[in-house]
Protein backbone atom coordinates (compact mmCIF):
# COMPACT_ATOMS: atom_id res chain seq x y z
CA MET A 1 2.00 28.23 31.24
CA ALA A 2 2.37 30.33 28.15
CA LEU A 3 5.99 30.63 27.04
CA PRO A 4 7.37 34.05 26.00
CA PRO A 5 7.45 34.12 22.23
CA ASP A 6 11.25 34.72 22.21
CA ALA A 7 12.11 32.09 24.77
CA THR A 8 14.94 29.70 23.86
CA LEU A 9 15.46 26.13 25.03
CA ALA A 10 18.06 27.39 27.48
CA ASP A 11 15.53 29.85 28.92
CA VAL A 12 12.80 27.18 29.35
CA GLY A 13 15.03 24.35 30.53
CA GLU A 14 14.56 20.65 29.95
CA PHE A 15 11.75 20.02 32.41
CA GLY A 16 9.85 23.14 31.45
CA LEU A 17 9.93 22.13 27.79
CA VAL A 18 9.01 18.51 28.66
CA HIS A 19 5.93 19.88 30.52
CA GLU A 20 4.91 21.87 27.45
CA LEU A 21 5.47 19.02 25.01
CA VAL A 22 3.64 16.35 27.02
CA ALA A 23 0.51 18.48 26.86
CA LEU A 24 0.54 18.27 23.08
CA PHE A 25 0.50 14.44 22.83
CA GLU A 26 -2.85 12.67 23.32
CA GLN A 27 -2.63 9.03 24.55
CA GLY A 28 -4.45 6.16 22.89
CA GLU A 29 -6.18 3.24 24.47
CA GLN A 30 -3.11 1.03 24.15
CA VAL A 31 -1.12 3.26 26.53
CA LEU A 32 -1.10 2.04 30.14
CA VAL A 33 1.73 4.42 31.21
CA GLY A 34 2.64 7.33 29.00
CA PRO A 35 5.22 10.18 29.23
CA GLY A 36 6.60 10.93 32.68
CA ASP A 37 7.93 7.68 34.04
CA ASP A 38 11.18 5.88 33.32
CA ALA A 39 9.45 4.02 30.42
CA ALA A 40 6.15 3.79 28.76
CA VAL A 41 3.92 0.72 29.25
CA LEU A 42 1.83 -0.48 26.33
CA ARG A 43 -0.97 -2.93 25.97
CA ILE A 44 -0.61 -5.34 23.09
CA ARG A 45 -3.82 -7.34 22.62
CA HIS A 46 -2.83 -9.71 19.84
CA GLY A 47 -0.64 -10.15 16.77
CA HIS A 48 3.04 -9.36 16.21
CA VAL A 49 4.99 -6.38 17.71
CA VAL A 50 6.80 -4.40 15.00
CA VAL A 51 9.50 -1.83 15.84
CA SER A 52 11.57 0.61 13.76
CA THR A 53 13.96 3.51 14.47
CA ASP A 54 15.00 6.36 12.27
CA LEU A 55 17.13 9.55 12.54
CA MET A 56 16.93 13.04 11.01
CA VAL A 57 19.99 15.36 11.19
CA GLU A 58 19.81 19.08 10.38
CA GLY A 59 21.76 19.87 7.23
CA ARG A 60 21.67 16.26 6.18
CA HIS A 61 17.92 15.38 6.11
CA PHE A 62 16.34 18.80 6.46
CA ARG A 63 17.06 22.52 6.54
CA ARG A 64 15.21 24.99 8.72
CA ASP A 65 15.29 27.65 5.97
CA TRP A 66 13.53 25.18 3.65
CA SER A 67 10.93 23.73 6.02
CA GLY A 68 9.02 25.05 8.96
CA ALA A 69 9.15 23.29 12.34
CA GLU A 70 5.66 21.69 11.79
CA ASP A 71 6.80 20.37 8.41
CA VAL A 72 9.86 18.77 9.94
CA GLY A 73 7.70 17.23 12.61
CA ARG A 74 5.34 15.77 10.03
CA ARG A 75 8.22 14.38 7.99
CA ALA A 76 9.85 12.81 11.06
CA ALA A 77 6.66 11.12 12.01
CA ALA A 78 5.70 10.09 8.44
CA GLN A 79 8.94 8.31 7.57
CA ASN A 80 8.62 6.19 10.70
CA LEU A 81 4.95 5.47 10.44
CA SER A 82 5.58 4.38 6.84
CA ASP A 83 8.04 1.69 7.99
CA ILE A 84 5.34 -0.01 10.02
CA ASN A 85 2.96 0.42 7.06
CA ALA A 86 5.45 -1.45 4.84
CA MET A 87 5.32 -4.45 7.09
CA GLY A 88 1.55 -4.66 6.67
CA GLY A 89 1.03 -3.30 10.16
CA ARG A 90 -0.37 -0.33 11.99
CA ALA A 91 1.67 1.95 14.12
CA HIS A 92 0.27 2.79 17.55
CA SER A 93 3.05 4.29 19.73
CA LEU A 94 6.16 6.42 19.16
CA THR A 95 9.01 7.91 21.23
CA VAL A 96 10.90 10.91 19.98
CA GLY A 97 14.34 12.27 21.03
CA LEU A 98 15.34 15.83 20.27
CA ALA A 99 18.87 17.15 20.53
CA ALA A 100 19.23 20.87 19.74
CA PRO A 101 21.30 23.97 20.38
CA ALA A 102 20.51 25.87 23.57
CA ASP A 103 19.57 29.01 21.60
CA LEU A 104 16.99 27.24 19.46
CA PRO A 105 13.65 29.03 19.95
CA ALA A 106 11.45 27.00 22.22
CA ALA A 107 8.60 27.88 19.85
CA TRP A 108 10.39 25.82 17.13
CA ALA A 109 10.39 22.77 19.39
CA LEU A 110 6.72 23.19 20.21
CA ASP A 111 5.78 23.68 16.57
CA PHE A 112 7.83 20.57 15.70
CA ALA A 113 5.84 18.64 18.29
CA ARG A 114 2.50 19.89 16.96
CA GLY A 115 3.41 18.70 13.48
CA PHE A 116 4.65 15.37 14.79
CA ALA A 117 1.48 14.86 16.81
CA ASP A 118 -0.77 15.83 13.84
CA GLU A 119 0.91 13.22 11.58
CA CYS A 120 0.63 10.57 14.26
CA ALA A 121 -3.07 11.35 14.64
CA ALA A 122 -3.57 10.40 10.98
CA VAL A 123 -3.10 6.78 11.98
CA GLY A 124 -4.30 7.01 15.58
CA ALA A 125 -0.81 6.65 17.07
CA SER A 126 0.37 8.10 20.37
CA VAL A 127 3.61 9.75 21.43
CA VAL A 128 4.46 7.89 24.66
CA GLY A 129 7.83 9.30 25.60
CA GLY A 130 11.17 10.69 24.51
CA ASP A 131 14.25 12.59 25.59
CA LEU A 132 15.87 16.01 25.25
CA THR A 133 19.52 17.08 25.24
CA ARG A 134 21.82 19.78 23.95
CA ALA A 135 23.69 19.45 20.67
CA ASP A 136 25.41 21.68 18.07
CA GLU A 137 22.66 21.01 15.60
CA VAL A 138 19.11 19.67 15.57
CA VAL A 139 19.00 15.84 15.65
CA ILE A 140 15.75 13.93 15.80
CA ALA A 141 15.57 10.25 16.80
CA VAL A 142 12.24 8.41 16.52
CA THR A 143 11.26 4.91 17.52
CA VAL A 144 7.91 3.64 16.33
CA ILE A 145 6.06 0.58 17.62
CA GLY A 146 3.20 -1.11 15.84
CA SER A 147 1.44 -4.41 15.40
CA CYS A 148 0.50 -6.79 12.61
CA THR A 149 -2.61 -8.92 13.10
CA SER A 150 -1.31 -11.37 10.52
CA ALA A 151 2.20 -12.38 9.49
CA PRO A 152 4.33 -9.30 8.67
CA VAL A 153 5.14 -8.81 4.96
CA LEU A 154 8.94 -9.01 4.64
CA ARG A 155 11.24 -7.89 1.85
CA SER A 156 12.33 -11.49 1.21
CA GLY A 157 9.11 -13.12 -0.14
CA ALA A 158 9.12 -12.17 -3.84
CA ARG A 159 9.35 -15.00 -6.35
CA PRO A 160 9.84 -15.13 -10.14
CA GLY A 161 6.64 -14.91 -12.09
CA GLU A 162 4.98 -12.41 -9.67
CA VAL A 163 4.08 -8.80 -10.44
CA LEU A 164 5.38 -5.55 -8.91
CA ALA A 165 3.00 -2.75 -7.89
CA LEU A 166 3.22 0.70 -6.31
CA LYS A 167 0.72 2.62 -4.17
CA GLY A 168 1.19 6.29 -3.51
CA ARG A 169 2.82 9.39 -4.97
CA GLN A 170 6.31 8.96 -6.30
CA GLY A 171 8.88 11.51 -7.51
CA TRP A 172 7.10 14.64 -6.25
CA ALA A 173 9.24 15.09 -3.10
CA ALA A 174 12.43 14.70 -5.18
CA ALA A 175 11.22 17.36 -7.63
CA GLY A 176 10.41 19.62 -4.72
CA LEU A 177 13.89 19.17 -3.25
CA ALA A 178 15.40 20.02 -6.66
CA VAL A 179 13.37 23.20 -6.75
CA LEU A 180 14.46 24.24 -3.22
CA ALA A 181 18.11 23.41 -3.98
CA ARG A 182 18.01 25.93 -6.88
CA GLY A 183 16.62 28.64 -4.53
CA PHE A 184 13.02 28.58 -5.83
CA ARG A 185 9.68 27.95 -4.03
CA SER A 186 7.48 26.84 -6.91
CA PRO A 187 5.74 24.81 -8.16
CA ARG A 188 4.32 25.01 -4.65
CA VAL A 189 2.65 21.61 -4.90
CA LEU A 190 6.08 19.96 -5.31
CA VAL A 191 7.71 21.99 -2.52
CA GLU A 192 4.84 21.00 -0.25
CA ALA A 193 5.26 17.36 -1.29
CA TYR A 194 8.86 17.49 -0.07
CA ARG A 195 7.94 19.27 3.15
CA ARG A 196 4.99 17.09 4.02
CA PRO A 197 4.86 13.62 2.46
CA GLU A 198 1.53 11.80 2.12
CA PRO A 199 2.24 8.07 2.68
CA PRO A 200 -0.69 5.74 1.83
CA TYR A 201 -1.13 4.63 5.44
CA ALA A 202 -4.00 2.29 4.73
CA ALA A 203 -2.19 0.46 1.94
CA GLY A 204 0.14 -1.68 4.00
CA ALA A 205 -2.59 -3.70 5.73
CA GLU A 206 -4.57 -3.72 2.43
CA ALA A 207 -1.60 -5.27 0.63
CA ALA A 208 -1.04 -7.84 3.34
CA GLU A 209 -4.70 -8.92 3.27
CA ALA A 210 -4.50 -9.20 -0.53
CA GLY A 211 -1.59 -11.65 -0.29
CA ALA A 212 1.43 -9.40 -0.97
CA THR A 213 4.56 -11.54 -0.90
CA ALA A 214 7.16 -8.77 -0.26
CA MET A 215 6.99 -5.08 0.48
CA ILE A 216 9.05 -1.98 1.14
CA ASP A 217 8.41 1.77 1.52
CA VAL A 218 10.20 3.96 -0.98
CA SER A 219 12.29 6.39 1.09
CA ASP A 220 15.66 6.30 -0.62
CA GLY A 221 14.59 6.08 -4.25
CA LEU A 222 12.45 3.72 -6.30
CA VAL A 223 15.31 1.88 -8.00
CA ALA A 224 17.35 1.91 -4.81
CA ASP A 225 14.62 0.45 -2.60
CA ALA A 226 13.52 -2.01 -5.27
CA GLY A 227 17.16 -3.15 -5.14
CA HIS A 228 16.82 -3.86 -1.41
CA LEU A 229 13.72 -5.98 -2.02
CA ALA A 230 15.35 -7.79 -4.94
CA GLU A 231 18.50 -8.55 -2.89
CA ALA A 232 16.45 -9.86 0.08
CA SER A 233 14.31 -12.09 -2.16
CA GLY A 234 17.13 -13.28 -4.49
CA VAL A 235 15.30 -12.10 -7.62
CA ARG A 236 15.42 -9.43 -10.35
CA LEU A 237 12.86 -6.73 -10.49
CA ASP A 238 12.15 -5.15 -13.81
CA LEU A 239 10.49 -1.76 -13.78
CA ARG A 240 8.61 -0.40 -16.79
CA ARG A 241 8.86 3.32 -17.63
CA SER A 242 5.58 3.16 -19.57
CA ALA A 243 3.71 2.28 -16.37
CA PHE A 244 4.23 5.82 -14.96
CA GLU A 245 2.36 8.93 -15.97
CA ILE A 246 4.59 11.97 -15.57
CA ALA A 247 2.49 14.69 -13.93
CA GLU A 248 2.65 18.20 -15.35
CA PRO A 249 4.49 19.70 -12.30
CA LEU A 250 7.28 17.13 -12.80
CA ARG A 251 7.50 17.91 -16.48
CA ALA A 252 7.65 21.67 -15.76
CA VAL A 253 10.46 21.26 -13.28
CA GLY A 254 12.39 18.89 -15.51
CA SER A 255 12.16 21.39 -18.35
CA ALA A 256 13.18 24.30 -16.20
CA LEU A 257 16.17 22.46 -14.72
CA GLY A 258 17.19 20.59 -17.90
CA ALA A 259 16.51 17.27 -16.20
CA ASP A 260 14.65 14.14 -17.24
CA PRO A 261 11.49 14.15 -15.10
CA MET A 262 11.41 10.36 -15.15
CA GLU A 263 14.52 10.43 -12.98
CA PHE A 264 12.48 12.12 -10.19
CA ILE A 265 10.30 8.97 -10.29
CA LEU A 266 13.07 6.39 -10.62
CA ALA A 267 15.63 7.88 -8.29
CA GLY A 268 13.66 10.14 -5.97
CA GLY A 269 12.88 9.40 -2.32
CA ASP A 270 10.92 10.88 0.57
CA ASP A 271 7.45 10.36 -0.84
CA HIS A 272 7.07 7.02 1.02
CA PRO A 273 4.80 5.12 -1.29
CA LEU A 274 4.71 1.33 -0.94
CA LEU A 275 6.31 -1.07 -3.43
CA ALA A 276 5.05 -4.63 -3.22
CA THR A 277 5.04 -7.88 -5.10
CA PHE A 278 1.85 -9.95 -5.60
CA PRO A 279 1.35 -13.45 -7.00
CA SER A 280 -0.55 -12.15 -10.02
CA ALA A 281 -2.08 -8.99 -11.47
CA ASP A 282 -5.52 -10.29 -10.33
CA ALA A 283 -4.31 -10.13 -6.71
CA VAL A 284 -3.28 -6.47 -6.83
CA PRO A 285 -5.81 -4.33 -4.89
CA GLY A 286 -7.57 -1.50 -6.66
CA GLY A 287 -5.69 1.81 -6.70
CA TRP A 288 -2.30 0.16 -6.95
CA LEU A 289 -0.22 0.77 -10.08
CA LEU A 290 1.36 -2.18 -11.87
CA VAL A 291 4.94 -1.07 -12.47
CA GLY A 292 6.89 -4.25 -13.36
CA GLU A 293 7.49 -7.94 -12.81
CA VAL A 294 9.63 -10.31 -10.77
CA LEU A 295 12.16 -12.32 -12.80
CA GLU A 296 14.97 -14.85 -12.30
CA GLY A 297 18.30 -13.19 -11.61
CA GLU A 298 19.39 -10.36 -9.37
CA GLY A 299 19.23 -6.62 -9.01
CA VAL A 300 16.92 -4.08 -10.70
CA THR A 301 16.48 -3.29 -14.40
CA VAL A 302 14.39 -0.67 -16.08
CA ASP A 303 12.83 -1.91 -19.34
CA GLY A 304 15.18 -4.85 -19.25
CA ALA A 305 18.35 -2.80 -18.97
CA ALA A 306 20.49 -1.50 -16.10
CA HIS A 307 19.37 1.92 -14.81
CA VAL A 308 21.87 4.64 -15.73
CA GLY A 309 21.26 7.63 -13.47
CA ASP A 310 21.09 8.75 -9.90
CA ALA A 311 21.39 5.83 -7.48
CA GLY A 312 19.11 7.41 -4.91
CA TRP A 313 19.79 8.54 -1.34
CA VAL A 314 23.23 7.56 0.06
CA HIS A 315 23.38 7.55 3.87
CA PHE A 316 27.16 7.58 4.15
């Protein structure tokens, strides 16, 4: 049925909204039982099962006056799909929970679902279930399930003497967030980068096949996430500023805000590129950017020195 354009979640009700949402999610061949039962049933043909969960809270991770519902849906899906990508795997199934105020327009929930489904379609993944409940603010909980046909690439495999490489756009979302926080909407390319990240979904499996020894997706900030990899591997990672080309939109925003545009790259999150270590430069696949090296020691340095600047996203 077509919902009235001004209908709220309270008007539609849980089961009415579930009926509308289920119709938006196509099911892949791995789905034996999809939405509608007590649990989904999936077919895993071979390899390792990989699972990750993430949350988005209104006012903390997104604002409805900064991003449309479809944008929020794409971001919610992208950050979860990227976690499977960072293991060298492919996501195939997701569940999504939505808690929201009763007066939230039902159209917002449906637009969110459309954006979420569109992002999942980019990797051929299916939305196989979820849950709805009332809350004082919008909260989104996503669980993603994927598989690795070879051994998953962990954060703990880097060794001294290896190289550090990056695949994907970095710093653009952070610059877009800085623009929005100042009340502006341009450069539009940066605002859109924040609203709709473009993770390199094919790069995780590519890195695994090339022999990547450790890998992580950059969601909290390049230095911050490199720190997680360094800690897990018991090594020091040294990033090189000279490896990065600062795109003109980043320079423009840095100039307008009186900020160093390199900090968008070093400290910014939400672009979801992949950061990986490889045994040597010769092992790095084409299209990846060599950004540093793995050394004895601990932590992360930039050009051999401690990074002085924003520490990246802090969850608490």
